Amino acid sequence: DALPICEKISLKFNDIKNDAWYYDVVKTIVEKGLMNGISETEFAPELQVTRGMFVTILYRAAGERQVAKTSNFADVSADTYYAKAVAWANANGIVTGITENKFAPDNNITREQMAAILYR
């Protein structure tokens, strides 16, 4: 028989302990496909969130809708995991770059930036 999902997660991610206060939250967001680990065995719960990561979470929450074009940001390569998410969010007015042609996907996102993106 298959293991319950919570047991799978504790086995899958070595850095998520069953008694961690955020265990059920991680279990839920992984089940819903909103976030993945940084590897097959690591979730990295204390890792800072980047702009690319945050937009990817929103894109997944919106159902990963089709994107008609790539973004115009020079620092968002089409082969990155966040490329479609950035293109979708930019096309829908959810995100802007830090300049006209730079998104800075690997920069840590600030609370100010998260608030502005969520507002949009």
C-alpha atoms as a PDB file:
ATOM      1  CA  ASP A   1       0.000   0.000   0.000  1.00  0.00           C
ATOM      2  CA  ALA A   2       1.038   3.587  -0.620  1.00  0.00           C
ATOM      3  CA  LEU A   3       2.184   5.664   2.322  1.00  0.00           C
ATOM      4  CA  PRO A   4       0.009   8.607   3.386  1.00  0.00           C
ATOM      5  CA  ILE A   5       1.188  11.878   1.829  1.00  0.00           C
ATOM      6  CA  CYS A   6       2.555  13.236   5.111  1.00  0.00           C
ATOM      7  CA  GLU A   7       4.820  10.219   5.449  1.00  0.00           C
ATOM      8  CA  LYS A   8       5.937  10.617   1.839  1.00  0.00           C
ATOM      9  CA  ILE A   9       6.906  14.230   2.470  1.00  0.00           C
ATOM     10  CA  SER A  10       8.859  13.459   5.603  1.00  0.00           C
ATOM     11  CA  LEU A  11      10.739  10.799   3.632  1.00  0.00           C
ATOM     12  CA  LYS A  12      11.084  12.939   0.505  1.00  0.00           C
ATOM     13  CA  PHE A  13      12.381  16.083   2.209  1.00  0.00           C
ATOM     14  CA  ASN A  14      15.087  15.343   4.746  1.00  0.00           C
ATOM     15  CA  ASP A  15      14.872  18.894   6.111  1.00  0.00           C
ATOM     16  CA  ILE A  16      11.152  18.790   7.010  1.00  0.00           C
ATOM     17  CA  LYS A  17      10.562  17.081  10.325  1.00  0.00           C
ATOM     18  CA  ASN A  18       7.152  15.692  11.291  1.00  0.00           C
ATOM     19  CA  ASP A  19       7.028  17.934  14.382  1.00  0.00           C
ATOM     20  CA  ALA A  20       7.968  21.190  12.626  1.00  0.00           C
ATOM     21  CA  TRP A  21       5.346  23.915  13.138  1.00  0.00           C
ATOM     22  CA  TYR A  22       5.127  24.383   9.335  1.00  0.00           C
ATOM     23  CA  TYR A  23       4.902  20.673   8.464  1.00  0.00           C
ATOM     24  CA  ASP A  24       1.174  20.720   7.581  1.00  0.00           C
ATOM     25  CA  VAL A  25       1.592  23.913   5.570  1.00  0.00           C
ATOM     26  CA  VAL A  26       4.413  22.415   3.508  1.00  0.00           C
ATOM     27  CA  LYS A  27       2.407  19.229   3.050  1.00  0.00           C
ATOM     28  CA  THR A  28      -0.550  21.202   1.702  1.00  0.00           C
ATOM     29  CA  ILE A  29       1.352  23.460  -0.681  1.00  0.00           C
ATOM     30  CA  VAL A  30       3.299  20.503  -2.076  1.00  0.00           C
ATOM     31  CA  GLU A  31       0.084  18.492  -2.512  1.00  0.00           C
ATOM     32  CA  LYS A  32      -1.489  21.424  -4.370  1.00  0.00           C
ATOM     33  CA  GLY A  33       1.581  21.775  -6.606  1.00  0.00           C
ATOM     34  CA  LEU A  34       2.293  25.362  -5.593  1.00  0.00           C
ATOM     35  CA  MET A  35       5.860  24.697  -4.466  1.00  0.00           C
ATOM     36  CA  ASN A  36       8.465  21.996  -4.901  1.00  0.00           C
ATOM     37  CA  GLY A  37      11.690  21.317  -3.112  1.00  0.00           C
ATOM     38  CA  ILE A  38      15.008  22.689  -4.273  1.00  0.00           C
ATOM     39  CA  SER A  39      15.984  19.055  -4.913  1.00  0.00           C
ATOM     40  CA  GLU A  40      14.368  15.648  -4.592  1.00  0.00           C
ATOM     41  CA  THR A  41      15.321  15.485  -0.902  1.00  0.00           C
ATOM     42  CA  GLU A  42      15.458  19.143   0.208  1.00  0.00           C
ATOM     43  CA  PHE A  43      12.669  21.662   0.672  1.00  0.00           C
ATOM     44  CA  ALA A  44      14.960  24.343   2.201  1.00  0.00           C
ATOM     45  CA  PRO A  45      12.362  25.876   4.562  1.00  0.00           C
ATOM     46  CA  GLU A  46      14.678  28.706   5.644  1.00  0.00           C
ATOM     47  CA  LEU A  47      15.823  29.678   2.143  1.00  0.00           C
ATOM     48  CA  GLN A  48      15.034  33.248   1.101  1.00  0.00           C
ATOM     49  CA  VAL A  49      12.420  33.553  -1.655  1.00  0.00           C
ATOM     50  CA  THR A  50      13.509  35.088  -4.956  1.00  0.00           C
ATOM     51  CA  ARG A  51      11.414  37.153  -7.319  1.00  0.00           C
ATOM     52  CA  GLY A  52      11.378  34.245  -9.775  1.00  0.00           C
ATOM     53  CA  MET A  53      10.236  31.789  -7.099  1.00  0.00           C
ATOM     54  CA  PHE A  54       7.435  34.045  -5.881  1.00  0.00           C
ATOM     55  CA  VAL A  55       6.034  34.688  -9.353  1.00  0.00           C
ATOM     56  CA  THR A  56       6.209  30.953 -10.082  1.00  0.00           C
ATOM     57  CA  ILE A  57       4.095  30.203  -6.999  1.00  0.00           C
ATOM     58  CA  LEU A  58       1.470  32.724  -8.162  1.00  0.00           C
ATOM     59  CA  TYR A  59       1.539  31.292 -11.693  1.00  0.00           C
ATOM     60  CA  ARG A  60       0.925  27.784 -10.357  1.00  0.00           C
ATOM     61  CA  ALA A  61      -1.872  29.048  -8.103  1.00  0.00           C
ATOM     62  CA  ALA A  62      -3.515  30.625 -11.174  1.00  0.00           C
ATOM     63  CA  GLY A  63      -3.469  27.278 -12.967  1.00  0.00           C
ATOM     64  CA  GLU A  64      -0.349  27.756 -15.117  1.00  0.00           C
ATOM     65  CA  ARG A  65      -2.293  29.400 -17.913  1.00  0.00           C
ATOM     66  CA  GLN A  66      -0.926  29.475 -21.429  1.00  0.00           C
ATOM     67  CA  VAL A  67       1.531  32.223 -22.176  1.00  0.00           C
ATOM     68  CA  ALA A  68       1.401  33.738 -25.649  1.00  0.00           C
ATOM     69  CA  LYS A  69       4.883  35.235 -25.568  1.00  0.00           C
ATOM     70  CA  THR A  70       8.082  35.341 -23.609  1.00  0.00           C
ATOM     71  CA  SER A  71       8.849  38.311 -21.422  1.00  0.00           C
ATOM     72  CA  ASN A  72      10.901  41.235 -22.693  1.00  0.00           C
ATOM     73  CA  PHE A  73      13.281  40.984 -19.748  1.00  0.00           C
ATOM     74  CA  ALA A  74      16.864  40.374 -20.886  1.00  0.00           C
ATOM     75  CA  ASP A  75      17.674  38.490 -17.664  1.00  0.00           C
ATOM     76  CA  VAL A  76      14.841  35.938 -18.018  1.00  0.00           C
ATOM     77  CA  SER A  77      16.063  33.159 -20.284  1.00  0.00           C
ATOM     78  CA  ALA A  78      13.326  31.112 -21.977  1.00  0.00           C
ATOM     79  CA  ASP A  79      14.753  27.865 -20.554  1.00  0.00           C
ATOM     80  CA  THR A  80      14.438  28.776 -16.862  1.00  0.00           C
ATOM     81  CA  TYR A  81      11.768  27.310 -14.587  1.00  0.00           C
ATOM     82  CA  TYR A  82      10.281  30.768 -14.000  1.00  0.00           C
ATOM     83  CA  ALA A  83      10.235  32.004 -17.636  1.00  0.00           C
ATOM     84  CA  LYS A  84       6.552  31.243 -18.334  1.00  0.00           C
ATOM     85  CA  ALA A  85       5.554  32.553 -14.904  1.00  0.00           C
ATOM     86  CA  VAL A  86       7.325  35.873 -15.448  1.00  0.00           C
ATOM     87  CA  ALA A  87       5.898  36.219 -18.971  1.00  0.00           C
ATOM     88  CA  TRP A  88       2.368  35.466 -17.696  1.00  0.00           C
ATOM     89  CA  ALA A  89       2.640  37.846 -14.737  1.00  0.00           C
ATOM     90  CA  ASN A  90       4.119  40.628 -16.849  1.00  0.00           C
ATOM     91  CA  ALA A  91       1.545  40.229 -19.629  1.00  0.00           C
ATOM     92  CA  ASN A  92      -1.242  40.456 -17.047  1.00  0.00           C
ATOM     93  CA  GLY A  93       0.153  43.519 -15.282  1.00  0.00           C
ATOM     94  CA  ILE A  94       1.018  41.569 -12.122  1.00  0.00           C
ATOM     95  CA  VAL A  95       4.758  42.256 -12.221  1.00  0.00           C
ATOM     96  CA  THR A  96       7.057  44.834 -13.650  1.00  0.00           C
ATOM     97  CA  GLY A  97      10.790  44.735 -13.800  1.00  0.00           C
ATOM     98  CA  ILE A  98      13.229  46.600 -11.643  1.00  0.00           C
ATOM     99  CA  THR A  99      13.991  48.424 -14.906  1.00  0.00           C
ATOM    100  CA  GLU A 100      12.267  48.304 -18.272  1.00  0.00           C
ATOM    101  CA  ASN A 101      14.291  45.285 -19.449  1.00  0.00           C
ATOM    102  CA  LYS A 102      15.502  43.705 -16.192  1.00  0.00           C
ATOM    103  CA  PHE A 103      13.355  41.545 -13.904  1.00  0.00           C
ATOM    104  CA  ALA A 104      16.077  40.379 -11.462  1.00  0.00           C
ATOM    105  CA  PRO A 105      14.564  36.891 -10.980  1.00  0.00           C
ATOM    106  CA  ASP A 106      17.345  35.703  -8.683  1.00  0.00           C
ATOM    107  CA  ASN A 107      17.144  38.679  -6.322  1.00  0.00           C
ATOM    108  CA  ASN A 108      15.465  38.040  -2.984  1.00  0.00           C
ATOM    109  CA  ILE A 109      11.986  39.505  -2.988  1.00  0.00           C
ATOM    110  CA  THR A 110      11.177  42.178  -0.450  1.00  0.00           C
ATOM    111  CA  ARG A 111       7.968  42.415   1.536  1.00  0.00           C
ATOM    112  CA  GLU A 112       7.262  45.658  -0.320  1.00  0.00           C
ATOM    113  CA  GLN A 113       7.588  43.897  -3.682  1.00  0.00           C
ATOM    114  CA  MET A 114       5.402  40.979  -2.530  1.00  0.00           C
ATOM    115  CA  ALA A 115       2.710  43.393  -1.372  1.00  0.00           C
ATOM    116  CA  ALA A 116       2.742  45.258  -4.707  1.00  0.00           C
ATOM    117  CA  ILE A 117       2.565  42.019  -6.721  1.00  0.00           C
ATOM    118  CA  LEU A 118      -0.267  40.624  -4.591  1.00  0.00           C
ATOM    119  CA  TYR A 119      -2.150  43.907  -4.858  1.00  0.00           C
ATOM    120  CA  ARG A 120      -1.960  43.771  -8.667  1.00  0.00           C
END
